[in-house]
Amino acid sequence: MAKPVAATSGYNAGFMTFHETRLRVRYAETDQMGVVYHANYLVWMEVGRVEYCRSQGLRYRDLESGEKVRLAVVEAGCRYLTPARYDDEVIIKSWVEQASKRMVIFGYEMRHADSGAILATGRTKHIFLNQDMKPCKLPEAYVSIFKTTASPPE
């Protein structure tokens, strides 16, 4: 699903895309108050990020096994707005906010599927590492995956 949005420069130039992933809140993801435990939103962001990459033709395992490159989280943040509860359907919207040959920042928005209420927003910053866990450049064959991205949700 493409959304025409003006990008700034670098890898983000051109039209931008995002990916939406749906999941249903499992009982194990809730706390004693009956709402989703806060750390699960970070797990959901990972689900959204992996599915975004898959939708762009990149499977993490191919990057790791073929190119020996890993995508390490160096920063993560989440702003909680409205609680999700057991059995709610959640839509995770994921996009690339910024990218270079050495790092990528993903943005996320988690919404209640029925009401459309924004549950949380977040972002994660990643660096590319080689098999020795040293920073490295993203192989040229994968650069195009991070060229088209989506704007932050409005």
Protein backbone atom coordinates (compact mmCIF):
# COMPACT_ATOMS: atom_id res chain seq x y z
CA MET A 1 0.00 0.00 0.00
CA ALA A 2 1.64 3.18 -1.17
CA LYS A 3 0.90 6.64 0.13
CA PRO A 4 2.35 9.59 -1.80
CA VAL A 5 4.28 11.70 0.68
CA ALA A 6 7.16 14.09 0.07
CA ALA A 7 10.38 12.72 1.53
CA THR A 8 13.36 14.76 2.58
CA SER A 9 16.57 13.37 1.11
CA GLY A 10 18.93 10.40 0.99
CA TYR A 11 17.39 6.95 1.04
CA ASN A 12 14.00 8.45 1.85
CA ALA A 13 13.65 10.41 -1.38
CA GLY A 14 10.57 9.70 -3.50
CA PHE A 15 7.23 8.16 -2.65
CA MET A 16 6.88 6.45 0.67
CA THR A 17 5.15 3.26 1.74
CA PHE A 18 4.05 1.66 4.97
CA HIS A 19 2.88 -1.77 6.00
CA GLU A 20 0.00 -2.78 8.27
CA THR A 21 -0.01 -5.99 10.28
CA ARG A 22 -3.00 -7.25 12.25
CA LEU A 23 -2.90 -9.28 15.43
CA ARG A 24 -5.29 -10.23 18.19
CA VAL A 25 -4.40 -9.61 21.84
CA ARG A 26 -3.76 -12.91 23.60
CA TYR A 27 -4.70 -13.44 27.24
CA ALA A 28 -1.03 -14.01 28.11
CA GLU A 29 -0.26 -10.45 26.90
CA THR A 30 -2.49 -8.83 29.54
CA ASP A 31 -1.68 -7.92 33.12
CA GLN A 32 -3.68 -8.17 36.33
CA MET A 33 -5.62 -5.03 35.36
CA GLY A 34 -6.81 -6.71 32.17
CA VAL A 35 -4.84 -4.47 29.82
CA VAL A 36 -1.89 -5.27 27.58
CA TYR A 37 1.35 -5.25 29.55
CA HIS A 38 3.52 -2.35 28.35
CA ALA A 39 6.51 -4.44 27.16
CA ASN A 40 4.30 -6.29 24.67
CA TYR A 41 4.04 -3.14 22.54
CA LEU A 42 7.79 -3.46 21.88
CA VAL A 43 7.21 -7.06 20.76
CA TRP A 44 4.41 -5.85 18.49
CA MET A 45 6.77 -3.25 17.01
CA GLU A 46 9.16 -6.08 16.18
CA VAL A 47 6.32 -7.98 14.50
CA GLY A 48 5.47 -4.87 12.48
CA ARG A 49 9.11 -4.26 11.53
CA VAL A 50 9.69 -7.85 10.40
CA GLU A 51 6.49 -7.84 8.34
CA TYR A 52 7.34 -4.44 6.84
CA CYS A 53 10.70 -5.83 5.68
CA ARG A 54 9.05 -9.01 4.39
CA SER A 55 6.55 -6.91 2.41
CA GLN A 56 9.54 -5.15 0.80
CA GLY A 57 11.16 -8.44 -0.18
CA LEU A 58 13.58 -8.80 2.74
CA ARG A 59 13.51 -11.72 5.14
CA TYR A 60 15.66 -11.07 8.22
CA ARG A 61 17.03 -14.59 8.11
CA ASP A 62 18.33 -14.06 4.56
CA LEU A 63 20.18 -10.92 5.64
CA GLU A 64 21.64 -12.76 8.63
CA SER A 65 22.52 -16.07 6.98
CA GLY A 66 23.42 -14.87 3.48
CA GLU A 67 25.08 -11.52 4.14
CA LYS A 68 26.07 -12.13 7.78
CA VAL A 69 24.50 -8.77 8.68
CA ARG A 70 22.36 -8.23 11.76
CA LEU A 71 19.98 -5.38 12.58
CA ALA A 72 20.60 -4.44 16.22
CA VAL A 73 18.24 -2.24 18.23
CA VAL A 74 20.16 0.64 19.81
CA GLU A 75 17.17 2.80 20.87
CA ALA A 76 13.50 2.06 21.47
CA GLY A 77 10.64 4.24 22.63
CA CYS A 78 6.91 3.89 23.02
CA ARG A 79 4.19 6.37 23.99
CA TYR A 80 1.09 4.71 25.43
CA LEU A 81 -2.20 6.48 24.74
CA THR A 82 -5.13 4.06 25.12
CA PRO A 83 -5.08 0.56 26.64
CA ALA A 84 -5.65 -2.54 24.55
CA ARG A 85 -7.45 -5.49 26.15
CA TYR A 86 -7.73 -9.23 25.71
CA ASP A 87 -9.16 -10.27 22.32
CA ASP A 88 -8.93 -6.76 20.80
CA GLU A 89 -7.73 -6.74 17.21
CA VAL A 90 -4.76 -4.40 16.79
CA ILE A 91 -3.34 -2.90 13.59
CA ILE A 92 0.39 -2.21 13.65
CA LYS A 93 1.41 0.38 11.07
CA SER A 94 5.17 0.35 10.33
CA TRP A 95 7.36 2.55 8.14
CA VAL A 96 10.95 3.72 7.77
CA GLU A 97 11.45 7.23 9.14
CA GLN A 98 15.11 7.57 8.27
CA ALA A 99 17.86 5.37 6.84
CA SER A 100 21.49 5.42 5.85
CA LYS A 101 24.02 2.74 4.95
CA ARG A 102 24.76 2.25 8.66
CA MET A 103 21.42 2.67 10.44
CA VAL A 104 17.65 2.71 10.06
CA ILE A 105 14.86 4.23 12.18
CA PHE A 106 11.41 2.62 12.05
CA GLY A 107 8.20 4.33 13.16
CA TYR A 108 5.09 2.58 14.45
CA GLU A 109 1.47 3.28 15.23
CA MET A 110 -0.72 0.70 16.97
CA ARG A 111 -4.47 1.19 16.55
CA HIS A 112 -7.59 -0.58 17.75
CA ALA A 113 -8.99 -2.23 14.61
CA ASP A 114 -12.67 -1.60 15.42
CA SER A 115 -12.62 1.92 16.88
CA GLY A 116 -9.51 3.24 15.13
CA ALA A 117 -8.27 4.62 18.45
CA ILE A 118 -4.51 5.03 18.61
CA LEU A 119 -3.22 2.73 21.32
CA ALA A 120 0.45 3.64 21.15
CA THR A 121 3.13 5.13 18.92
CA GLY A 122 6.80 4.24 18.86
CA ARG A 123 10.10 4.18 17.09
CA THR A 124 13.19 2.02 17.08
CA LYS A 125 16.69 2.85 15.87
CA HIS A 126 18.87 0.05 14.52
CA ILE A 127 22.46 -0.26 13.36
CA PHE A 128 23.81 -2.86 10.98
CA LEU A 129 26.36 -5.26 12.51
CA ASN A 130 28.62 -7.87 10.94
CA GLN A 131 29.03 -11.39 12.31
CA ASP A 132 31.66 -10.10 14.77
CA MET A 133 29.05 -7.68 16.15
CA LYS A 134 30.93 -4.68 14.74
CA PRO A 135 29.12 -1.85 12.93
CA CYS A 136 29.06 -2.28 9.16
CA LYS A 137 27.39 -0.89 6.06
CA LEU A 138 24.21 -2.35 4.66
CA PRO A 139 25.05 -4.40 1.53
CA GLU A 140 24.12 -2.51 -1.64
CA ALA A 141 21.68 -5.27 -2.69
CA TYR A 142 19.40 -4.31 0.24
CA VAL A 143 19.55 -0.51 0.03
CA SER A 144 16.40 -0.24 -2.11
CA ILE A 145 14.30 -1.80 0.67
CA PHE A 146 14.84 1.29 2.79
CA LYS A 147 14.51 3.83 -0.04
CA THR A 148 10.73 3.96 -0.03
CA THR A 149 9.06 4.50 3.30
CA ALA A 150 5.93 5.95 4.83
CA SER A 151 5.20 9.21 6.55
CA PRO A 152 4.27 9.27 10.20
CA PRO A 153 0.55 8.63 10.70
CA GLU A 154 -1.61 11.70 10.92
